Amino acid sequence: MLPVTKEETDFVKGYVEAVWKEKVTFAQKMHVESILGHLHAVWDVHYDKGRLWVITNPTKGYGQDMWPSMDLRRHQA
């Protein structure tokens, strides 16, 4: 498991609860990557009706029903 601060977790939970209007039941940072000098974290977020990938910096959520893998490169031919 990747190191994570309470502030990071609270930020991701707050994003999902404010934007997606869902109560978070689980959130785990899965991956961090630097792209052009900016750190982007990928979070696995669970809520009552499903799961999201939340990517930070800028923050955006994607339903895992549409993107089952956090690494789309694996699915491209």
N, C-alpha and C. Protein backbone atom coordinates (compact mmCIF):
# COMPACT_ATOMS: atom_id res chain seq x y z
N MET A 1 0.84 -1.18 0.00
CA MET A 1 0.00 0.00 0.00
C MET A 1 0.89 1.24 0.00
N LEU A 2 0.48 2.24 -0.75
CA LEU A 2 1.25 3.48 -0.84
C LEU A 2 1.03 4.35 0.39
N PRO A 3 2.04 5.13 0.77
CA PRO A 3 1.85 6.05 1.89
C PRO A 3 0.81 7.12 1.53
N VAL A 4 0.01 7.49 2.51
CA VAL A 4 -1.05 8.46 2.28
C VAL A 4 -1.28 9.25 3.57
N THR A 5 -1.61 10.52 3.40
CA THR A 5 -1.92 11.35 4.57
C THR A 5 -3.43 11.41 4.76
N LYS A 6 -3.84 11.77 5.96
CA LYS A 6 -5.25 11.96 6.25
C LYS A 6 -5.82 13.07 5.36
N GLU A 7 -5.04 14.11 5.11
CA GLU A 7 -5.50 15.21 4.27
C GLU A 7 -5.80 14.75 2.84
N GLU A 8 -4.93 13.87 2.29
CA GLU A 8 -5.17 13.35 0.94
C GLU A 8 -6.47 12.53 0.90
N THR A 9 -6.62 11.65 1.87
CA THR A 9 -7.82 10.82 1.93
C THR A 9 -9.07 11.67 2.09
N ASP A 10 -9.01 12.65 2.99
CA ASP A 10 -10.16 13.54 3.20
C ASP A 10 -10.50 14.33 1.93
N PHE A 11 -9.47 14.74 1.19
CA PHE A 11 -9.69 15.48 -0.06
C PHE A 11 -10.44 14.62 -1.08
N VAL A 12 -9.98 13.38 -1.27
CA VAL A 12 -10.61 12.48 -2.25
C VAL A 12 -12.04 12.15 -1.82
N LYS A 13 -12.22 11.83 -0.54
CA LYS A 13 -13.57 11.54 -0.05
C LYS A 13 -14.47 12.76 -0.23
N GLY A 14 -13.96 13.94 0.09
CA GLY A 14 -14.74 15.16 -0.06
C GLY A 14 -15.14 15.41 -1.50
N TYR A 15 -14.22 15.15 -2.43
CA TYR A 15 -14.52 15.30 -3.86
C TYR A 15 -15.68 14.39 -4.26
N VAL A 16 -15.59 13.11 -3.92
CA VAL A 16 -16.63 12.15 -4.31
C VAL A 16 -17.96 12.53 -3.68
N GLU A 17 -17.94 12.90 -2.42
CA GLU A 17 -19.19 13.22 -1.74
C GLU A 17 -19.81 14.51 -2.26
N ALA A 18 -18.99 15.47 -2.68
CA ALA A 18 -19.51 16.74 -3.19
C ALA A 18 -19.94 16.64 -4.66
N VAL A 19 -19.11 16.02 -5.49
CA VAL A 19 -19.36 15.98 -6.93
C VAL A 19 -20.25 14.81 -7.33
N TRP A 20 -19.98 13.64 -6.80
CA TRP A 20 -20.73 12.45 -7.17
C TRP A 20 -21.94 12.22 -6.25
N LYS A 21 -22.02 12.99 -5.17
CA LYS A 21 -23.14 12.88 -4.22
C LYS A 21 -23.28 11.47 -3.67
N GLU A 22 -22.13 10.84 -3.36
CA GLU A 22 -22.11 9.48 -2.83
C GLU A 22 -21.27 9.43 -1.56
N LYS A 23 -21.67 8.60 -0.62
CA LYS A 23 -20.93 8.41 0.63
C LYS A 23 -19.83 7.37 0.40
N VAL A 24 -18.59 7.77 0.62
CA VAL A 24 -17.43 6.89 0.41
C VAL A 24 -17.35 5.87 1.54
N THR A 25 -17.17 4.59 1.16
CA THR A 25 -17.01 3.53 2.15
C THR A 25 -15.57 3.03 2.22
N PHE A 26 -14.77 3.34 1.19
CA PHE A 26 -13.37 2.88 1.15
C PHE A 26 -12.64 3.73 0.12
N ALA A 27 -11.41 4.12 0.44
CA ALA A 27 -10.57 4.86 -0.51
C ALA A 27 -9.12 4.45 -0.29
N GLN A 28 -8.46 4.05 -1.37
CA GLN A 28 -7.06 3.64 -1.29
C GLN A 28 -6.28 4.21 -2.47
N LYS A 29 -5.15 4.83 -2.16
CA LYS A 29 -4.25 5.32 -3.22
C LYS A 29 -3.55 4.12 -3.83
N MET A 30 -3.68 3.98 -5.15
CA MET A 30 -3.16 2.80 -5.84
C MET A 30 -1.87 3.06 -6.62
N HIS A 31 -1.70 4.29 -7.10
CA HIS A 31 -0.57 4.55 -8.00
C HIS A 31 -0.30 6.05 -8.02
N VAL A 32 0.97 6.42 -8.13
CA VAL A 32 1.36 7.82 -8.31
C VAL A 32 2.34 7.88 -9.46
N GLU A 33 2.13 8.85 -10.34
CA GLU A 33 3.01 9.01 -11.50
C GLU A 33 3.27 10.49 -11.73
N SER A 34 4.50 10.81 -12.14
CA SER A 34 4.85 12.18 -12.48
C SER A 34 4.77 12.33 -13.99
N ILE A 35 3.96 13.30 -14.42
CA ILE A 35 3.81 13.58 -15.85
C ILE A 35 4.12 15.06 -16.04
N LEU A 36 5.18 15.33 -16.79
CA LEU A 36 5.62 16.71 -17.04
C LEU A 36 5.77 17.50 -15.74
N GLY A 37 6.32 16.84 -14.73
CA GLY A 37 6.61 17.50 -13.47
C GLY A 37 5.44 17.63 -12.52
N HIS A 38 4.28 17.08 -12.86
CA HIS A 38 3.10 17.14 -11.99
C HIS A 38 2.78 15.74 -11.49
N LEU A 39 2.60 15.60 -10.17
CA LEU A 39 2.24 14.31 -9.62
C LEU A 39 0.74 14.07 -9.76
N HIS A 40 0.39 12.87 -10.24
CA HIS A 40 -0.99 12.45 -10.38
C HIS A 40 -1.16 11.14 -9.62
N ALA A 41 -2.14 11.10 -8.74
CA ALA A 41 -2.42 9.89 -7.97
C ALA A 41 -3.71 9.26 -8.48
N VAL A 42 -3.73 7.93 -8.49
CA VAL A 42 -4.92 7.17 -8.86
C VAL A 42 -5.44 6.50 -7.60
N TRP A 43 -6.70 6.75 -7.30
CA TRP A 43 -7.36 6.20 -6.11
C TRP A 43 -8.45 5.22 -6.52
N ASP A 44 -8.56 4.13 -5.77
CA ASP A 44 -9.66 3.19 -5.88
C ASP A 44 -10.66 3.59 -4.80
N VAL A 45 -11.83 4.09 -5.21
CA VAL A 45 -12.82 4.59 -4.26
C VAL A 45 -14.10 3.77 -4.38
N HIS A 46 -14.57 3.27 -3.24
CA HIS A 46 -15.80 2.48 -3.20
C HIS A 46 -16.90 3.33 -2.56
N TYR A 47 -18.12 3.17 -3.05
CA TYR A 47 -19.30 3.77 -2.43
C TYR A 47 -20.43 2.75 -2.55
N ASP A 48 -21.58 3.03 -1.97
CA ASP A 48 -22.66 2.04 -1.89
C ASP A 48 -23.06 1.43 -3.22
N LYS A 49 -23.06 2.22 -4.29
CA LYS A 49 -23.57 1.74 -5.57
C LYS A 49 -22.49 1.33 -6.56
N GLY A 50 -21.22 1.47 -6.20
CA GLY A 50 -20.18 1.11 -7.15
C GLY A 50 -18.80 1.56 -6.73
N ARG A 51 -17.96 1.71 -7.74
CA ARG A 51 -16.57 2.09 -7.52
C ARG A 51 -16.13 3.11 -8.56
N LEU A 52 -15.17 3.93 -8.15
CA LEU A 52 -14.60 4.94 -9.04
C LEU A 52 -13.09 4.84 -9.04
N TRP A 53 -12.50 5.27 -10.15
CA TRP A 53 -11.10 5.66 -10.16
C TRP A 53 -11.12 7.17 -10.01
N VAL A 54 -10.44 7.69 -9.02
CA VAL A 54 -10.31 9.13 -8.86
C VAL A 54 -8.86 9.48 -9.13
N ILE A 55 -8.64 10.36 -10.09
CA ILE A 55 -7.30 10.81 -10.45
C ILE A 55 -7.17 12.26 -10.01
N THR A 56 -6.07 12.56 -9.34
CA THR A 56 -5.89 13.91 -8.81
C THR A 56 -4.94 14.74 -9.67
N ASN A 57 -5.11 16.04 -9.51
CA ASN A 57 -4.22 17.07 -10.07
C ASN A 57 -4.33 17.23 -11.58
N PRO A 58 -5.45 17.66 -12.11
CA PRO A 58 -6.71 18.02 -11.46
C PRO A 58 -7.51 16.77 -11.09
N THR A 59 -8.50 16.93 -10.25
CA THR A 59 -9.25 15.79 -9.73
C THR A 59 -10.44 15.49 -10.64
N LYS A 60 -10.57 14.19 -10.97
CA LYS A 60 -11.65 13.73 -11.84
C LYS A 60 -11.96 12.29 -11.48
N GLY A 61 -13.24 11.92 -11.48
CA GLY A 61 -13.65 10.55 -11.19
C GLY A 61 -14.14 9.83 -12.43
N TYR A 62 -13.86 8.54 -12.50
CA TYR A 62 -14.28 7.69 -13.62
C TYR A 62 -14.87 6.41 -13.07
N GLY A 63 -16.06 6.04 -13.52
CA GLY A 63 -16.70 4.82 -13.05
C GLY A 63 -15.91 3.59 -13.44
N GLN A 64 -15.71 2.69 -12.49
CA GLN A 64 -14.96 1.47 -12.80
C GLN A 64 -15.77 0.50 -13.64
N ASP A 65 -17.08 0.71 -13.76
CA ASP A 65 -17.85 -0.14 -14.65
C ASP A 65 -17.47 0.15 -16.11
N MET A 66 -17.08 1.39 -16.40
CA MET A 66 -16.65 1.77 -17.75
C MET A 66 -15.16 1.49 -17.97
N TRP A 67 -14.35 1.66 -16.93
CA TRP A 67 -12.90 1.46 -17.00
C TRP A 67 -12.49 0.50 -15.88
N PRO A 68 -12.55 -0.81 -16.12
CA PRO A 68 -12.25 -1.77 -15.05
C PRO A 68 -10.80 -1.76 -14.60
N SER A 69 -9.89 -1.28 -15.44
CA SER A 69 -8.47 -1.24 -15.09
C SER A 69 -8.02 0.21 -14.98
N MET A 70 -7.15 0.49 -14.01
CA MET A 70 -6.64 1.85 -13.90
C MET A 70 -5.61 2.14 -14.98
N ASP A 71 -5.13 1.13 -15.67
CA ASP A 71 -4.12 1.31 -16.71
C ASP A 71 -4.73 0.97 -18.07
N LEU A 72 -5.23 1.98 -18.77
CA LEU A 72 -5.87 1.74 -20.06
C LEU A 72 -4.89 1.27 -21.12
N ARG A 73 -3.60 1.50 -20.91
CA ARG A 73 -2.60 1.04 -21.89
C ARG A 73 -2.66 -0.46 -22.07
N ARG A 74 -3.08 -1.19 -21.04
CA ARG A 74 -3.19 -2.64 -21.13
C ARG A 74 -4.27 -3.08 -22.12
N HIS A 75 -5.26 -2.20 -22.36
CA HIS A 75 -6.39 -2.56 -23.20
C HIS A 75 -6.26 -2.05 -24.63
N GLN A 76 -5.24 -1.30 -24.90
CA GLN A 76 -5.07 -0.75 -26.25
C GLN A 76 -4.24 -1.69 -27.10
N ALA A 77 -4.66 -1.89 -28.32
CA ALA A 77 -3.92 -2.79 -29.21
C ALA A 77 -2.96 -2.01 -30.09
